[in-house]
């Protein structure tokens, strides 16, 4: 069983948060919350959350994404979710978050996510 991993990369005023493994109630969701809270307190203007490596996401993780989307909007920070798997898209659809978070696919260039 693979547990959660979170990698952070910065490119100018963009912070890329890459999630892998399990983001579930407990350690994984708390790591996500702490990471997004740090992004909110920095001078970043755009947060990209890459879900490509995610194997499990529960309500706690989804709740943190929704909460920080609102916090970022209030602070003038744009949040974008990229590379969601089909089951994650379905989760967003079922909870009404598809419209809120969006699902824009991005190209990768030199290891950094770039929005098309």
Protein backbone atom coordinates (compact mmCIF):
# COMPACT_ATOMS: atom_id res chain seq x y z
CA UNK A 1 0.00 0.00 0.00
CA UNK A 2 1.50 3.32 -1.07
CA UNK A 3 0.95 6.23 1.25
CA UNK A 4 0.69 9.86 0.26
CA UNK A 5 3.43 11.90 -1.26
CA UNK A 6 3.41 15.58 -2.02
CA UNK A 7 6.03 17.32 -4.14
CA UNK A 8 6.18 21.08 -4.55
CA UNK A 9 7.83 22.97 -7.40
CA UNK A 10 7.90 26.71 -7.94
CA UNK A 11 8.17 28.47 -11.27
CA UNK A 12 7.91 32.25 -11.01
CA UNK A 13 4.60 33.08 -9.35
CA UNK A 14 3.25 29.55 -9.91
CA UNK A 15 3.38 26.75 -7.35
CA UNK A 16 2.88 23.20 -8.60
CA UNK A 17 1.68 20.70 -6.00
CA UNK A 18 2.00 17.11 -7.28
CA UNK A 19 0.05 14.51 -5.33
CA UNK A 20 0.77 10.79 -5.32
CA UNK A 21 -0.49 7.75 -3.49
CA UNK A 22 -3.33 8.01 -0.99
CA UNK A 23 -4.81 11.31 0.17
CA UNK A 24 -7.22 10.08 2.82
CA UNK A 25 -8.40 11.14 6.28
CA UNK A 26 -5.39 11.29 8.54
CA UNK A 27 -1.81 11.85 7.49
CA UNK A 28 -2.37 12.23 3.73
CA UNK A 29 -5.17 14.76 4.01
CA UNK A 30 -3.33 16.69 6.73
CA UNK A 31 -0.21 16.92 4.54
CA UNK A 32 -2.39 18.27 1.74
CA UNK A 33 -4.03 20.81 4.07
CA UNK A 34 -0.67 21.99 5.39
CA UNK A 35 0.77 22.26 1.88
CA UNK A 36 -2.16 24.28 0.55
CA UNK A 37 -2.10 26.50 3.65
CA UNK A 38 1.58 27.27 2.95
CA UNK A 39 0.72 28.13 -0.66
CA UNK A 40 -1.95 30.55 0.58
CA UNK A 41 0.57 32.33 2.81
CA UNK A 42 3.23 32.72 0.11
CA UNK A 43 3.43 35.21 -2.72
CA UNK A 44 2.26 32.69 -5.32
CA UNK A 45 -0.46 33.88 -7.74
CA UNK A 46 -1.29 30.50 -9.29
CA UNK A 47 -1.49 27.07 -7.65
CA UNK A 48 -1.55 24.02 -9.92
CA UNK A 49 -2.58 20.77 -8.21
CA UNK A 50 -1.40 17.78 -10.27
CA UNK A 51 -3.42 14.63 -9.52
CA UNK A 52 -1.61 12.33 -11.98
CA UNK A 53 -0.03 10.14 -9.30
CA UNK A 54 -3.05 9.93 -7.02
CA UNK A 55 -4.37 6.42 -6.30
CA UNK A 56 -6.93 7.25 -3.59
CA UNK A 57 -8.75 10.43 -2.63
CA UNK A 58 -11.46 10.49 0.03
CA UNK A 59 -13.89 13.14 1.26
CA UNK A 60 -11.27 14.69 3.55
CA UNK A 61 -8.86 15.31 0.67
CA UNK A 62 -11.63 16.50 -1.61
CA UNK A 63 -12.84 18.81 1.16
CA UNK A 64 -9.39 20.38 1.51
CA UNK A 65 -9.24 21.00 -2.25
CA UNK A 66 -12.66 22.67 -2.19
CA UNK A 67 -11.89 24.72 0.93
CA UNK A 68 -8.58 26.05 -0.37
CA UNK A 69 -10.08 26.78 -3.78
CA UNK A 70 -12.36 29.26 -1.97
CA UNK A 71 -9.54 30.62 0.19
CA UNK A 72 -7.34 31.12 -2.87
CA UNK A 73 -10.13 32.86 -4.76
CA UNK A 74 -10.64 35.24 -1.85
CA UNK A 75 -6.89 36.00 -1.82
CA UNK A 76 -6.72 36.51 -5.60
CA UNK A 77 -4.84 33.26 -6.20
CA UNK A 78 -5.89 31.07 -9.11
CA UNK A 79 -6.10 27.32 -8.40
CA UNK A 80 -6.17 24.74 -11.14
CA UNK A 81 -6.47 20.95 -10.92
CA UNK A 82 -4.72 19.01 -13.68
CA UNK A 83 -4.43 15.38 -14.75
CA UNK A 84 -7.43 13.98 -12.85
CA UNK A 85 -8.12 10.32 -13.53
CA UNK A 86 -11.60 9.34 -14.67
CA UNK A 87 -12.69 8.25 -11.17
CA UNK A 88 -11.61 11.63 -9.78
CA UNK A 89 -13.57 13.44 -12.50
CA UNK A 90 -16.58 11.34 -11.51
CA UNK A 91 -16.05 12.24 -7.82
CA UNK A 92 -16.00 15.93 -8.73
CA UNK A 93 -19.13 15.50 -10.85
CA UNK A 94 -21.02 13.64 -8.11
CA UNK A 95 -20.16 16.25 -5.47
CA UNK A 96 -20.83 19.25 -7.70
CA UNK A 97 -17.19 20.35 -7.65
CA UNK A 98 -16.47 19.95 -11.37
CA UNK A 99 -17.61 23.48 -12.09
CA UNK A 100 -15.77 24.80 -9.05
CA UNK A 101 -12.35 23.26 -9.69
CA UNK A 102 -12.39 22.58 -13.42
CA UNK A 103 -10.31 20.01 -15.24
CA UNK A 104 -7.99 21.69 -17.68
CA UNK A 105 -5.41 19.35 -19.10
CA UNK A 106 -1.91 20.69 -19.29
CA UNK A 107 1.16 19.80 -21.29
CA UNK A 108 4.41 19.05 -19.56
CA UNK A 109 7.51 20.80 -20.76
CA UNK A 110 10.87 20.38 -19.07
CA UNK A 111 9.24 18.79 -16.04
CA UNK A 112 7.01 21.78 -15.23
CA UNK A 113 3.26 21.78 -15.84
CA UNK A 114 2.23 24.43 -18.32
CA UNK A 115 -1.40 25.28 -18.95
CA UNK A 116 -2.56 25.02 -22.54
